[in-house]
Amino acid sequence: MRTPLVLVIASIALAGCGHKKHARVTPPPPHRPVAIPVPIGHTESGVASWYGHPYHGRAAANGEIYDMEKMTAAHRTLPFNTWVRVYDLDNNKTTEVRIIDRGPFIDGRIIDLSHAAAREIELIGPGIAKVRIEVIRTPPNVIPAVFGVQVGAFRNKDNAESLRQRMADRYGTARLLERAEAPGLWRVLVGAEPTEQAAGDLAARIQQDSVEKSPGFVVRIDSM
C-alpha cells in the first residue's frame, strides 16, 4: 500500500531534532529576521560567544547535524553556508567559519561559534569576546557542498526503502541515511544539488508533484 507523502513528512518528528537553545540565550522574537544576501566584504561588529554540549549531535537550523569540532557558527540573518572571518578585537586572533545555525538571541551578540572555532581565537575560557566579522569567499580548500531534499524519516527501513525507490524513479537520485544520533531512524533524501537554490527548486517540484502538496526541506548532504 502506498504511504501518503503527508504521513511521510509528518514522521520526521520521530527524529527528535532539536535546535540549539543555548543556556545564555533567550527565545527569539515571534517574527525572526529573514536571511538576506550580503556582499563579500560586508562587516559587522559586536560580541561573539560559543556553544558545544548539549547541542553537539543535534540538528542545526539548516538541517545538518551540528558538530562542535567543525568550523561552523550561528548568526541571526546571514544566509546558511555563508563563510565569515571572525577577528577577535582583544587578541587579534582570527578564525573562519561557515554559518549553519541561528542565534545568538541576546542583544549585542552577533555570532555563536563552534567549540573548534572558539578555541582558535582563545574564546573558550572567557566565553565572550568583542569581534568584527567579515563575509568572505568560500575558502579554496573547502569541499563543494551537496544539497538534497528530505522527504521522510522512518523507523521501518523497508518503508524508507520503498519511498526511496519511488523518489529515485521519479527524480533520478535518492538515498537513505541513518542518523548517527538516532540509530534505526532512516531518512529519505532526494537529489544531489550543488546549491541550496537548486535543492530548493527541487523541493518545490516535489511538493507540486505530491497529491498532498506536502513540503520536504533542504539539507546539506555532504555534512551528514
N, C-alpha and C. Protein backbone atom coordinates (compact mmCIF):
# COMPACT_ATOMS: atom_id res chain seq x y z
N MET A 1 0.85 -1.20 0.00
CA MET A 1 0.00 0.00 0.00
C MET A 1 0.88 1.25 0.00
N ARG A 2 0.57 2.19 -0.82
CA ARG A 2 1.38 3.41 -0.94
C ARG A 2 1.18 4.29 0.27
N THR A 3 2.28 4.69 0.91
CA THR A 3 2.20 5.55 2.09
C THR A 3 1.98 6.99 1.67
N PRO A 4 0.92 7.67 2.13
CA PRO A 4 0.69 9.09 1.76
C PRO A 4 1.89 9.93 2.15
N LEU A 5 2.32 10.79 1.25
CA LEU A 5 3.51 11.60 1.49
C LEU A 5 3.35 12.49 2.70
N VAL A 6 2.11 12.93 2.98
CA VAL A 6 1.90 13.78 4.14
C VAL A 6 2.26 13.07 5.42
N LEU A 7 1.97 11.71 5.44
CA LEU A 7 2.34 10.94 6.63
C LEU A 7 3.84 10.74 6.69
N VAL A 8 4.45 10.63 5.51
CA VAL A 8 5.91 10.50 5.48
C VAL A 8 6.57 11.72 6.06
N ILE A 9 6.11 12.90 5.64
CA ILE A 9 6.70 14.14 6.14
C ILE A 9 6.46 14.26 7.64
N ALA A 10 5.24 13.90 8.06
CA ALA A 10 4.92 14.02 9.49
C ALA A 10 5.81 13.15 10.34
N SER A 11 6.26 12.03 9.76
CA SER A 11 7.07 11.12 10.55
C SER A 11 8.44 11.66 10.88
N ILE A 12 8.81 12.77 10.26
CA ILE A 12 10.09 13.40 10.58
C ILE A 12 10.18 13.72 12.06
N ALA A 13 9.04 13.96 12.67
CA ALA A 13 9.02 14.32 14.09
C ALA A 13 9.66 13.27 14.96
N LEU A 14 9.68 12.02 14.45
CA LEU A 14 10.29 10.95 15.23
C LEU A 14 11.78 11.14 15.40
N ALA A 15 12.35 11.99 14.55
CA ALA A 15 13.80 12.15 14.57
C ALA A 15 14.31 12.76 15.85
N GLY A 16 13.45 13.47 16.57
CA GLY A 16 13.90 14.10 17.80
C GLY A 16 14.81 15.26 17.56
N CYS A 17 14.64 15.93 16.40
CA CYS A 17 15.50 17.07 16.09
C CYS A 17 15.29 18.17 17.10
N GLY A 18 16.35 18.87 17.44
CA GLY A 18 16.22 19.98 18.36
C GLY A 18 17.16 21.09 17.98
N HIS A 19 16.65 22.28 17.81
CA HIS A 19 17.53 23.41 17.53
C HIS A 19 18.24 23.79 18.82
N LYS A 20 19.40 24.37 18.70
CA LYS A 20 20.16 24.72 19.89
C LYS A 20 19.41 25.76 20.71
N LYS A 21 19.45 25.60 22.01
CA LYS A 21 18.84 26.56 22.92
C LYS A 21 19.89 26.88 23.97
N HIS A 22 20.83 27.69 23.57
CA HIS A 22 21.98 28.00 24.41
C HIS A 22 21.51 28.51 25.77
N ALA A 23 22.17 28.07 26.82
CA ALA A 23 21.76 28.45 28.17
C ALA A 23 21.79 29.95 28.37
N ARG A 24 22.61 30.64 27.57
CA ARG A 24 22.76 32.07 27.77
C ARG A 24 21.83 32.89 26.87
N VAL A 25 21.01 32.21 26.06
CA VAL A 25 20.18 32.96 25.14
C VAL A 25 18.73 32.92 25.56
N THR A 26 17.98 33.89 25.07
CA THR A 26 16.54 33.94 25.30
C THR A 26 15.84 33.55 24.01
N PRO A 27 14.56 33.10 24.09
CA PRO A 27 13.86 32.71 22.87
C PRO A 27 13.81 33.87 21.88
N PRO A 28 13.88 33.54 20.57
CA PRO A 28 13.82 34.58 19.55
C PRO A 28 12.45 35.23 19.51
N PRO A 29 12.36 36.42 18.95
CA PRO A 29 11.07 37.08 18.84
C PRO A 29 10.15 36.29 17.91
N PRO A 30 8.82 36.52 17.99
CA PRO A 30 7.89 35.76 17.16
C PRO A 30 8.21 35.84 15.67
N HIS A 31 8.65 37.01 15.20
CA HIS A 31 8.98 37.16 13.79
C HIS A 31 10.49 37.26 13.66
N ARG A 32 11.14 36.14 13.34
CA ARG A 32 12.59 36.13 13.24
C ARG A 32 13.04 36.88 11.99
N PRO A 33 14.19 37.55 12.05
CA PRO A 33 14.72 38.19 10.85
C PRO A 33 14.99 37.13 9.78
N VAL A 34 14.72 37.45 8.55
CA VAL A 34 14.97 36.51 7.46
C VAL A 34 16.38 36.70 6.94
N ALA A 35 16.94 35.62 6.38
CA ALA A 35 18.28 35.70 5.82
C ALA A 35 18.26 36.54 4.55
N ILE A 36 19.19 37.46 4.44
CA ILE A 36 19.28 38.30 3.26
C ILE A 36 20.69 38.20 2.70
N PRO A 37 20.82 38.15 1.37
CA PRO A 37 22.16 38.07 0.77
C PRO A 37 23.01 39.27 1.17
N VAL A 38 24.29 39.03 1.37
CA VAL A 38 25.21 40.12 1.70
C VAL A 38 26.43 40.00 0.80
N PRO A 39 27.05 41.12 0.45
CA PRO A 39 28.21 41.07 -0.45
C PRO A 39 29.48 40.64 0.28
N ILE A 40 30.43 40.11 -0.49
CA ILE A 40 31.75 39.81 0.05
C ILE A 40 32.34 41.11 0.59
N GLY A 41 32.89 41.05 1.80
CA GLY A 41 33.48 42.24 2.41
C GLY A 41 32.57 42.90 3.42
N HIS A 42 31.30 42.48 3.47
CA HIS A 42 30.37 43.03 4.46
C HIS A 42 30.90 42.76 5.86
N THR A 43 30.87 43.77 6.74
CA THR A 43 31.37 43.60 8.10
C THR A 43 30.31 43.94 9.14
N GLU A 44 30.54 43.44 10.33
CA GLU A 44 29.64 43.68 11.46
C GLU A 44 30.46 43.54 12.73
N SER A 45 30.19 44.37 13.71
CA SER A 45 30.94 44.31 14.97
C SER A 45 30.00 44.07 16.14
N GLY A 46 30.50 43.35 17.13
CA GLY A 46 29.69 43.06 18.30
C GLY A 46 30.40 42.05 19.17
N VAL A 47 29.63 41.24 19.86
CA VAL A 47 30.18 40.26 20.81
C VAL A 47 29.96 38.85 20.27
N ALA A 48 30.98 38.02 20.37
CA ALA A 48 30.89 36.61 19.99
C ALA A 48 30.81 35.75 21.24
N SER A 49 30.08 34.64 21.13
CA SER A 49 30.05 33.61 22.18
C SER A 49 30.25 32.27 21.48
N TRP A 50 30.15 31.16 22.24
CA TRP A 50 30.31 29.85 21.60
C TRP A 50 29.39 28.85 22.26
N TYR A 51 29.16 27.72 21.55
CA TYR A 51 28.31 26.66 22.11
C TYR A 51 28.83 25.28 21.72
N GLY A 52 28.65 24.33 22.63
CA GLY A 52 29.11 22.96 22.41
C GLY A 52 28.06 21.98 22.87
N HIS A 53 28.34 21.26 23.95
CA HIS A 53 27.33 20.38 24.53
C HIS A 53 26.25 21.25 25.19
N PRO A 54 24.97 20.83 25.19
CA PRO A 54 24.44 19.55 24.71
C PRO A 54 23.98 19.59 23.26
N TYR A 55 24.39 20.59 22.50
CA TYR A 55 23.89 20.74 21.13
C TYR A 55 24.67 19.92 20.12
N HIS A 56 25.84 19.43 20.53
CA HIS A 56 26.64 18.56 19.67
C HIS A 56 25.83 17.33 19.29
N GLY A 57 25.72 17.06 17.99
CA GLY A 57 24.96 15.90 17.53
C GLY A 57 23.50 16.18 17.23
N ARG A 58 23.05 17.39 17.54
CA ARG A 58 21.66 17.75 17.24
C ARG A 58 21.58 18.46 15.90
N ALA A 59 20.37 18.60 15.40
CA ALA A 59 20.18 19.28 14.11
C ALA A 59 20.34 20.78 14.28
N ALA A 60 21.15 21.39 13.41
CA ALA A 60 21.26 22.84 13.35
C ALA A 60 20.07 23.38 12.55
N ALA A 61 19.95 24.68 12.49
CA ALA A 61 18.80 25.29 11.83
C ALA A 61 18.75 25.01 10.33
N ASN A 62 19.89 24.71 9.72
CA ASN A 62 19.88 24.44 8.28
C ASN A 62 19.63 22.97 7.97
N GLY A 63 19.43 22.15 9.00
CA GLY A 63 19.11 20.75 8.80
C GLY A 63 20.26 19.79 8.97
N GLU A 64 21.51 20.28 8.91
CA GLU A 64 22.62 19.37 9.10
C GLU A 64 22.90 19.17 10.58
N ILE A 65 23.66 18.14 10.89
CA ILE A 65 23.95 17.81 12.28
C ILE A 65 25.12 18.65 12.78
N TYR A 66 24.90 19.32 13.90
CA TYR A 66 25.93 20.19 14.47
C TYR A 66 27.05 19.37 15.07
N ASP A 67 28.26 19.62 14.62
CA ASP A 67 29.47 19.01 15.16
C ASP A 67 30.31 20.14 15.73
N MET A 68 30.46 20.16 17.03
CA MET A 68 31.14 21.29 17.66
C MET A 68 32.62 21.36 17.33
N GLU A 69 33.17 20.31 16.70
CA GLU A 69 34.58 20.32 16.33
C GLU A 69 34.78 20.66 14.86
N LYS A 70 33.74 21.13 14.18
CA LYS A 70 33.88 21.64 12.83
C LYS A 70 33.81 23.17 12.88
N MET A 71 34.28 23.79 11.81
CA MET A 71 34.39 25.25 11.80
C MET A 71 33.07 25.87 11.32
N THR A 72 32.13 25.98 12.24
CA THR A 72 30.81 26.49 11.92
C THR A 72 30.38 27.52 12.96
N ALA A 73 29.23 28.16 12.71
CA ALA A 73 28.74 29.18 13.63
C ALA A 73 27.26 29.44 13.38
N ALA A 74 26.67 30.16 14.34
CA ALA A 74 25.28 30.61 14.23
C ALA A 74 25.27 32.12 14.08
N HIS A 75 24.38 32.60 13.22
CA HIS A 75 24.17 34.03 13.02
C HIS A 75 22.67 34.24 12.82
N ARG A 76 22.17 35.41 13.20
CA ARG A 76 20.73 35.63 13.12
C ARG A 76 20.20 35.70 11.69
N THR A 77 20.94 36.33 10.79
CA THR A 77 20.37 36.63 9.47
C THR A 77 21.20 36.22 8.26
N LEU A 78 22.50 35.99 8.40
CA LEU A 78 23.30 35.64 7.24
C LEU A 78 22.80 34.34 6.62
N PRO A 79 22.76 34.25 5.31
CA PRO A 79 22.31 33.01 4.66
C PRO A 79 23.16 31.82 5.08
N PHE A 80 22.53 30.67 5.20
CA PHE A 80 23.28 29.46 5.52
C PHE A 80 24.36 29.23 4.47
N ASN A 81 25.49 28.70 4.94
CA ASN A 81 26.67 28.40 4.12
C ASN A 81 27.47 29.63 3.73
N THR A 82 27.10 30.79 4.27
CA THR A 82 27.97 31.97 4.15
C THR A 82 29.22 31.74 4.99
N TRP A 83 30.38 32.09 4.43
CA TRP A 83 31.63 32.00 5.18
C TRP A 83 31.99 33.38 5.73
N VAL A 84 32.42 33.42 6.98
CA VAL A 84 32.85 34.68 7.57
C VAL A 84 34.17 34.50 8.29
N ARG A 85 34.95 35.56 8.28
CA ARG A 85 36.20 35.60 9.06
C ARG A 85 35.90 36.39 10.33
N VAL A 86 36.26 35.82 11.46
CA VAL A 86 35.99 36.44 12.77
C VAL A 86 37.30 36.97 13.33
N TYR A 87 37.34 38.28 13.61
CA TYR A 87 38.52 38.93 14.18
C TYR A 87 38.25 39.20 15.66
N ASP A 88 39.06 38.62 16.52
CA ASP A 88 38.97 38.93 17.95
C ASP A 88 39.67 40.27 18.16
N LEU A 89 38.93 41.27 18.57
CA LEU A 89 39.49 42.62 18.69
C LEU A 89 40.36 42.80 19.93
N ASP A 90 40.34 41.82 20.82
CA ASP A 90 41.17 41.91 22.03
C ASP A 90 42.55 41.28 21.83
N ASN A 91 42.62 40.15 21.12
CA ASN A 91 43.91 39.47 20.98
C ASN A 91 44.39 39.36 19.53
N ASN A 92 43.61 39.92 18.58
CA ASN A 92 43.97 39.94 17.16
C ASN A 92 44.02 38.57 16.50
N LYS A 93 43.46 37.57 17.13
CA LYS A 93 43.39 36.24 16.51
C LYS A 93 42.18 36.17 15.58
N THR A 94 42.24 35.28 14.59
CA THR A 94 41.14 35.16 13.63
C THR A 94 40.77 33.69 13.43
N THR A 95 39.56 33.48 12.95
CA THR A 95 39.10 32.16 12.57
C THR A 95 38.08 32.32 11.45
N GLU A 96 37.90 31.28 10.65
CA GLU A 96 36.95 31.31 9.55
C GLU A 96 35.91 30.22 9.74
N VAL A 97 34.64 30.59 9.60
CA VAL A 97 33.55 29.66 9.90
C VAL A 97 32.46 29.74 8.84
N ARG A 98 31.67 28.67 8.77
CA ARG A 98 30.51 28.62 7.87
C ARG A 98 29.24 28.72 8.70
N ILE A 99 28.29 29.53 8.27
CA ILE A 99 27.04 29.72 9.01
C ILE A 99 26.09 28.57 8.73
N ILE A 100 25.69 27.87 9.80
CA ILE A 100 24.75 26.75 9.65
C ILE A 100 23.56 26.85 10.61
N ASP A 101 23.58 27.82 11.52
CA ASP A 101 22.59 27.84 12.60
C ASP A 101 22.11 29.26 12.84
N ARG A 102 21.08 29.41 13.67
CA ARG A 102 20.54 30.72 14.01
C ARG A 102 20.80 31.05 15.48
N GLY A 103 21.08 32.33 15.74
CA GLY A 103 21.40 32.80 17.07
C GLY A 103 22.68 33.64 16.99
N PRO A 104 23.19 34.11 18.10
CA PRO A 104 22.58 34.11 19.45
C PRO A 104 21.52 35.20 19.56
N PHE A 105 20.54 34.99 20.40
CA PHE A 105 19.43 35.93 20.54
C PHE A 105 19.54 36.75 21.82
N ILE A 106 20.71 37.35 21.99
CA ILE A 106 20.96 38.27 23.10
C ILE A 106 21.47 39.57 22.49
N ASP A 107 20.93 40.68 22.92
CA ASP A 107 21.33 41.98 22.37
C ASP A 107 22.84 42.16 22.45
N GLY A 108 23.42 42.61 21.37
CA GLY A 108 24.85 42.87 21.32
C GLY A 108 25.68 41.71 20.83
N ARG A 109 25.17 40.49 20.96
CA ARG A 109 25.90 39.32 20.48
C ARG A 109 25.54 39.08 19.01
N ILE A 110 26.56 38.88 18.20
CA ILE A 110 26.30 38.78 16.76
C ILE A 110 26.62 37.41 16.17
N ILE A 111 27.38 36.58 16.90
CA ILE A 111 27.74 35.28 16.35
C ILE A 111 28.00 34.30 17.48
N ASP A 112 27.63 33.05 17.27
CA ASP A 112 27.83 31.97 18.23
C ASP A 112 28.72 30.94 17.55
N LEU A 113 29.95 30.81 18.01
CA LEU A 113 30.94 29.96 17.34
C LEU A 113 30.89 28.53 17.85
N SER A 114 31.31 27.60 16.99
CA SER A 114 31.50 26.23 17.44
C SER A 114 32.68 26.18 18.42
N HIS A 115 32.79 25.07 19.13
CA HIS A 115 33.88 24.89 20.08
C HIS A 115 35.23 24.99 19.38
N ALA A 116 35.34 24.36 18.19
CA ALA A 116 36.61 24.38 17.46
C ALA A 116 37.00 25.79 17.05
N ALA A 117 36.04 26.57 16.57
CA ALA A 117 36.33 27.94 16.15
C ALA A 117 36.67 28.82 17.35
N ALA A 118 35.94 28.62 18.44
CA ALA A 118 36.22 29.39 19.65
C ALA A 118 37.63 29.11 20.18
N ARG A 119 38.05 27.86 20.06
CA ARG A 119 39.40 27.50 20.52
C ARG A 119 40.46 28.24 19.71
N GLU A 120 40.21 28.43 18.42
CA GLU A 120 41.21 29.09 17.57
C GLU A 120 41.48 30.53 17.98
N ILE A 121 40.48 31.21 18.55
CA ILE A 121 40.69 32.60 18.95
C ILE A 121 40.73 32.74 20.48
N GLU A 122 40.94 31.59 21.18
CA GLU A 122 41.08 31.56 22.64
C GLU A 122 39.85 32.14 23.34
N LEU A 123 38.68 31.71 22.86
CA LEU A 123 37.42 32.19 23.42
C LEU A 123 36.83 31.23 24.46
N ILE A 124 37.39 30.03 24.56
CA ILE A 124 36.82 29.02 25.44
C ILE A 124 36.75 29.50 26.89
N GLY A 125 37.86 30.03 27.39
CA GLY A 125 37.90 30.48 28.78
C GLY A 125 36.99 31.64 29.08
N PRO A 126 37.18 32.79 28.41
CA PRO A 126 36.34 33.96 28.71
C PRO A 126 34.88 33.78 28.31
N GLY A 127 34.62 32.97 27.30
CA GLY A 127 33.23 32.72 26.91
C GLY A 127 32.67 33.72 25.91
N ILE A 128 33.06 34.97 26.01
CA ILE A 128 32.62 36.00 25.07
C ILE A 128 33.82 36.89 24.73
N ALA A 129 33.72 37.58 23.59
CA ALA A 129 34.78 38.49 23.18
C ALA A 129 34.23 39.49 22.19
N LYS A 130 34.83 40.68 22.16
CA LYS A 130 34.46 41.67 21.16
C LYS A 130 35.10 41.27 19.83
N VAL A 131 34.29 41.23 18.78
CA VAL A 131 34.79 40.78 17.48
C VAL A 131 34.27 41.64 16.35
N ARG A 132 34.92 41.49 15.23
CA ARG A 132 34.40 42.00 13.96
C ARG A 132 34.32 40.81 13.02
N ILE A 133 33.21 40.67 12.32
CA ILE A 133 33.10 39.58 11.36
C ILE A 133 33.04 40.18 9.95
N GLU A 134 33.62 39.45 9.02
CA GLU A 134 33.66 39.89 7.62
C GLU A 134 33.25 38.73 6.72
N VAL A 135 32.31 38.97 5.84
CA VAL A 135 31.89 37.95 4.88
C VAL A 135 33.00 37.74 3.86
N ILE A 136 33.40 36.48 3.65
CA ILE A 136 34.49 36.15 2.75
C ILE A 136 34.02 35.12 1.71
N ARG A 137 34.86 34.93 0.70
CA ARG A 137 34.56 33.88 -0.27
C ARG A 137 34.82 32.51 0.36
N THR A 138 34.16 31.50 -0.17
CA THR A 138 34.39 30.15 0.32
C THR A 138 35.87 29.79 0.16
N PRO A 139 36.52 29.35 1.24
CA PRO A 139 37.95 29.01 1.14
C PRO A 139 38.18 27.96 0.06
N PRO A 140 39.30 28.05 -0.67
CA PRO A 140 39.56 27.16 -1.81
C PRO A 140 39.71 25.70 -1.43
N ASN A 141 40.06 25.42 -0.17
CA ASN A 141 40.26 24.03 0.24
C ASN A 141 38.99 23.36 0.74
N VAL A 142 37.86 24.08 0.67
CA VAL A 142 36.59 23.53 1.15
C VAL A 142 35.98 22.64 0.08
N ILE A 143 35.56 21.45 0.46
CA ILE A 143 34.92 20.52 -0.47
C ILE A 143 33.56 21.10 -0.88
N PRO A 144 33.25 21.11 -2.19
CA PRO A 144 31.97 21.66 -2.65
C PRO A 144 30.78 21.02 -1.94
N ALA A 145 29.80 21.83 -1.63
CA ALA A 145 28.62 21.35 -0.91
C ALA A 145 27.72 20.54 -1.84
N VAL A 146 26.95 19.63 -1.23
CA VAL A 146 25.93 18.87 -1.94
C VAL A 146 24.65 18.96 -1.12
N PHE A 147 23.57 19.37 -1.76
CA PHE A 147 22.30 19.57 -1.07
C PHE A 147 21.24 18.62 -1.62
N GLY A 148 20.34 18.21 -0.74
CA GLY A 148 19.23 17.37 -1.13
C GLY A 148 17.96 17.79 -0.43
N VAL A 149 16.89 17.05 -0.66
CA VAL A 149 15.60 17.34 -0.06
C VAL A 149 15.18 16.15 0.79
N GLN A 150 14.99 16.38 2.08
CA GLN A 150 14.50 15.30 2.94
C GLN A 150 12.98 15.23 2.81
N VAL A 151 12.49 14.06 2.40
CA VAL A 151 11.05 13.89 2.19
C VAL A 151 10.42 12.94 3.19
N GLY A 152 11.21 12.33 4.04
CA GLY A 152 10.62 11.44 5.03
C GLY A 152 11.66 10.86 5.97
N ALA A 153 11.18 10.31 7.09
CA ALA A 153 12.04 9.63 8.06
C ALA A 153 11.23 8.48 8.66
N PHE A 154 11.84 7.30 8.75
CA PHE A 154 11.12 6.09 9.15
C PHE A 154 11.90 5.27 10.17
N ARG A 155 11.18 4.63 11.05
CA ARG A 155 11.78 3.62 11.91
C ARG A 155 11.88 2.29 11.16
N ASN A 156 11.00 2.10 10.20
CA ASN A 156 10.97 0.87 9.43
C ASN A 156 11.78 1.06 8.15
N LYS A 157 12.90 0.35 8.02
CA LYS A 157 13.78 0.55 6.88
C LYS A 157 13.11 0.15 5.57
N ASP A 158 12.25 -0.87 5.60
CA ASP A 158 11.57 -1.29 4.37
C ASP A 158 10.68 -0.18 3.84
N ASN A 159 9.98 0.51 4.74
CA ASN A 159 9.14 1.64 4.30
C ASN A 159 9.99 2.76 3.72
N ALA A 160 11.14 3.00 4.36
CA ALA A 160 12.04 4.04 3.86
C ALA A 160 12.56 3.67 2.48
N GLU A 161 12.94 2.41 2.30
CA GLU A 161 13.47 1.96 1.00
C GLU A 161 12.39 2.04 -0.08
N SER A 162 11.15 1.75 0.28
CA SER A 162 10.06 1.84 -0.69
C SER A 162 9.91 3.27 -1.21
N LEU A 163 9.94 4.24 -0.29
CA LEU A 163 9.84 5.64 -0.71
C LEU A 163 11.08 6.05 -1.49
N ARG A 164 12.25 5.62 -1.04
CA ARG A 164 13.49 5.97 -1.75
C ARG A 164 13.43 5.52 -3.20
N GLN A 165 12.94 4.30 -3.42
CA GLN A 165 12.86 3.78 -4.77
C GLN A 165 11.90 4.59 -5.63
N ARG A 166 10.77 4.98 -5.06
CA ARG A 166 9.81 5.78 -5.82
C ARG A 166 10.39 7.15 -6.16
N MET A 167 11.09 7.74 -5.20
CA MET A 167 11.70 9.04 -5.44
C MET A 167 12.82 8.95 -6.49
N ALA A 168 13.61 7.87 -6.42
CA ALA A 168 14.69 7.69 -7.39
C ALA A 168 14.13 7.49 -8.79
N ASP A 169 13.06 6.73 -8.90
CA ASP A 169 12.43 6.51 -10.20
C ASP A 169 11.93 7.81 -10.80
N ARG A 170 11.45 8.70 -9.94
CA ARG A 170 10.83 9.93 -10.44
C ARG A 170 11.82 11.08 -10.62
N TYR A 171 12.80 11.16 -9.71
CA TYR A 171 13.68 12.33 -9.72
C TYR A 171 15.15 12.00 -9.99
N GLY A 172 15.46 10.73 -10.21
CA GLY A 172 16.80 10.36 -10.64
C GLY A 172 17.75 9.94 -9.54
N THR A 173 17.73 10.62 -8.39
CA THR A 173 18.65 10.30 -7.30
C THR A 173 17.92 10.37 -5.97
N ALA A 174 18.08 9.33 -5.17
CA ALA A 174 17.52 9.31 -3.81
C ALA A 174 18.34 8.33 -2.99
N ARG A 175 18.48 8.60 -1.72
CA ARG A 175 19.30 7.76 -0.86
C ARG A 175 18.69 7.67 0.53
N LEU A 176 19.15 6.65 1.27
CA LEU A 176 18.78 6.51 2.68
C LEU A 176 19.97 6.94 3.53
N LEU A 177 19.67 7.58 4.64
CA LEU A 177 20.72 7.98 5.58
C LEU A 177 20.22 7.70 6.99
N GLU A 178 20.99 6.91 7.72
CA GLU A 178 20.65 6.62 9.12
C GLU A 178 21.29 7.67 10.01
N ARG A 179 20.51 8.30 10.86
CA ARG A 179 21.03 9.35 11.72
C ARG A 179 21.93 8.77 12.80
N ALA A 180 23.15 9.31 12.91
CA ALA A 180 24.10 8.79 13.90
C ALA A 180 23.58 8.97 15.31
N GLU A 181 22.88 10.08 15.56
CA GLU A 181 22.38 10.34 16.92
C GLU A 181 21.05 9.67 17.18
N ALA A 182 20.49 9.00 16.15
CA ALA A 182 19.21 8.30 16.32
C ALA A 182 19.26 7.01 15.51
N PRO A 183 20.05 6.03 15.96
CA PRO A 183 20.17 4.76 15.23
C PRO A 183 18.80 4.12 15.02
N GLY A 184 18.61 3.61 13.81
CA GLY A 184 17.33 2.99 13.50
C GLY A 184 16.32 3.93 12.89
N LEU A 185 16.70 5.20 12.72
CA LEU A 185 15.83 6.16 12.06
C LEU A 185 16.42 6.43 10.67
N TRP A 186 15.65 6.13 9.64
CA TRP A 186 16.13 6.22 8.26
C TRP A 186 15.50 7.41 7.56
N ARG A 187 16.36 8.31 7.08
CA ARG A 187 15.90 9.49 6.36
C ARG A 187 15.97 9.24 4.86
N VAL A 188 15.00 9.74 4.15
CA VAL A 188 14.98 9.62 2.69
C VAL A 188 15.33 10.98 2.09
N LEU A 189 16.44 11.03 1.36
CA LEU A 189 16.95 12.28 0.79
C LEU A 189 16.93 12.17 -0.73
N VAL A 190 16.37 13.17 -1.36
CA VAL A 190 16.21 13.18 -2.82
C VAL A 190 17.16 14.22 -3.42
N GLY A 191 17.83 13.85 -4.52
CA GLY A 191 18.67 14.80 -5.23
C GLY A 191 20.08 14.89 -4.68
N ALA A 192 20.94 15.55 -5.45
CA ALA A 192 22.33 15.84 -5.07
C ALA A 192 22.71 17.10 -5.81
N GLU A 193 22.25 18.24 -5.27
CA GLU A 193 22.37 19.52 -5.96
C GLU A 193 23.57 20.32 -5.45
N PRO A 194 24.19 21.14 -6.32
CA PRO A 194 25.38 21.89 -5.92
C PRO A 194 25.08 23.16 -5.12
N THR A 195 23.82 23.61 -5.11
CA THR A 195 23.46 24.83 -4.39
C THR A 195 22.15 24.63 -3.64
N GLU A 196 21.97 25.45 -2.60
CA GLU A 196 20.70 25.42 -1.87
C GLU A 196 19.54 25.84 -2.77
N GLN A 197 19.80 26.79 -3.67
CA GLN A 197 18.75 27.26 -4.56
C GLN A 197 18.25 26.13 -5.44
N ALA A 198 19.18 25.35 -6.00
CA ALA A 198 18.80 24.24 -6.85
C ALA A 198 18.01 23.20 -6.06
N ALA A 199 18.46 22.93 -4.83
CA ALA A 199 17.73 21.99 -3.99
C ALA A 199 16.36 22.54 -3.61
N GLY A 200 16.29 23.85 -3.40
CA GLY A 200 15.00 24.47 -3.11
C GLY A 200 14.04 24.34 -4.27
N ASP A 201 14.56 24.49 -5.50
CA ASP A 201 13.72 24.31 -6.68
C ASP A 201 13.22 22.87 -6.77
N LEU A 202 14.10 21.92 -6.43
CA LEU A 202 13.69 20.52 -6.42
C LEU A 202 12.62 20.27 -5.38
N ALA A 203 12.79 20.87 -4.19
CA ALA A 203 11.79 20.72 -3.13
C ALA A 203 10.43 21.24 -3.58
N ALA A 204 10.44 22.38 -4.29
CA ALA A 204 9.18 22.94 -4.79
C ALA A 204 8.54 22.02 -5.81
N ARG A 205 9.36 21.41 -6.65
CA ARG A 205 8.84 20.47 -7.64
C ARG A 205 8.23 19.25 -6.99
N ILE A 206 8.93 18.71 -5.97
CA ILE A 206 8.41 17.54 -5.26
C ILE A 206 7.08 17.87 -4.59
N GLN A 207 7.00 19.05 -3.97
CA GLN A 207 5.76 19.47 -3.33
C GLN A 207 4.63 19.60 -4.36
N GLN A 208 4.94 20.19 -5.51
CA GLN A 208 3.93 20.37 -6.55
C GLN A 208 3.44 19.02 -7.09
N ASP A 209 4.36 18.06 -7.19
CA ASP A 209 4.01 16.75 -7.73
C ASP A 209 3.22 15.89 -6.75
N SER A 210 3.37 16.13 -5.45
CA SER A 210 2.71 15.29 -4.46
C SER A 210 1.22 15.61 -4.38
N VAL A 211 0.44 14.59 -4.19
CA VAL A 211 -1.01 14.77 -4.09
C VAL A 211 -1.36 15.65 -2.91
N GLU A 212 -0.65 15.45 -1.80
CA GLU A 212 -0.97 16.19 -0.58
C GLU A 212 -0.33 17.58 -0.53
N LYS A 213 0.52 17.91 -1.52
CA LYS A 213 1.25 19.18 -1.55
C LYS A 213 2.08 19.38 -0.28
N SER A 214 2.66 18.28 0.20
CA SER A 214 3.44 18.34 1.44
C SER A 214 4.89 18.70 1.13
N PRO A 215 5.45 19.66 1.85
CA PRO A 215 6.82 20.09 1.57
C PRO A 215 7.87 19.19 2.21
N GLY A 216 8.99 19.00 1.52
CA GLY A 216 10.17 18.45 2.15
C GLY A 216 11.01 19.64 2.60
N PHE A 217 12.25 19.40 3.04
CA PHE A 217 13.09 20.54 3.37
C PHE A 217 14.53 20.26 2.95
N VAL A 218 15.22 21.32 2.60
CA VAL A 218 16.57 21.22 2.07
C VAL A 218 17.56 20.94 3.17
N VAL A 219 18.47 20.01 2.91
CA VAL A 219 19.53 19.66 3.87
C VAL A 219 20.85 19.59 3.12
N ARG A 220 21.93 19.79 3.82
CA ARG A 220 23.26 19.67 3.25
C ARG A 220 23.74 18.24 3.44
N ILE A 221 23.79 17.47 2.36
CA ILE A 221 24.06 16.04 2.44
C ILE A 221 25.50 15.76 2.83
N ASP A 222 26.46 16.50 2.28
CA ASP A 222 27.87 16.18 2.47
C ASP A 222 28.33 16.41 3.90
N SER A 223 27.50 17.08 4.73
CA SER A 223 27.89 17.33 6.12
C SER A 223 27.26 16.33 7.07
N MET A 224 26.55 15.34 6.53
CA MET A 224 25.85 14.38 7.38
C MET A 224 26.66 13.11 7.59
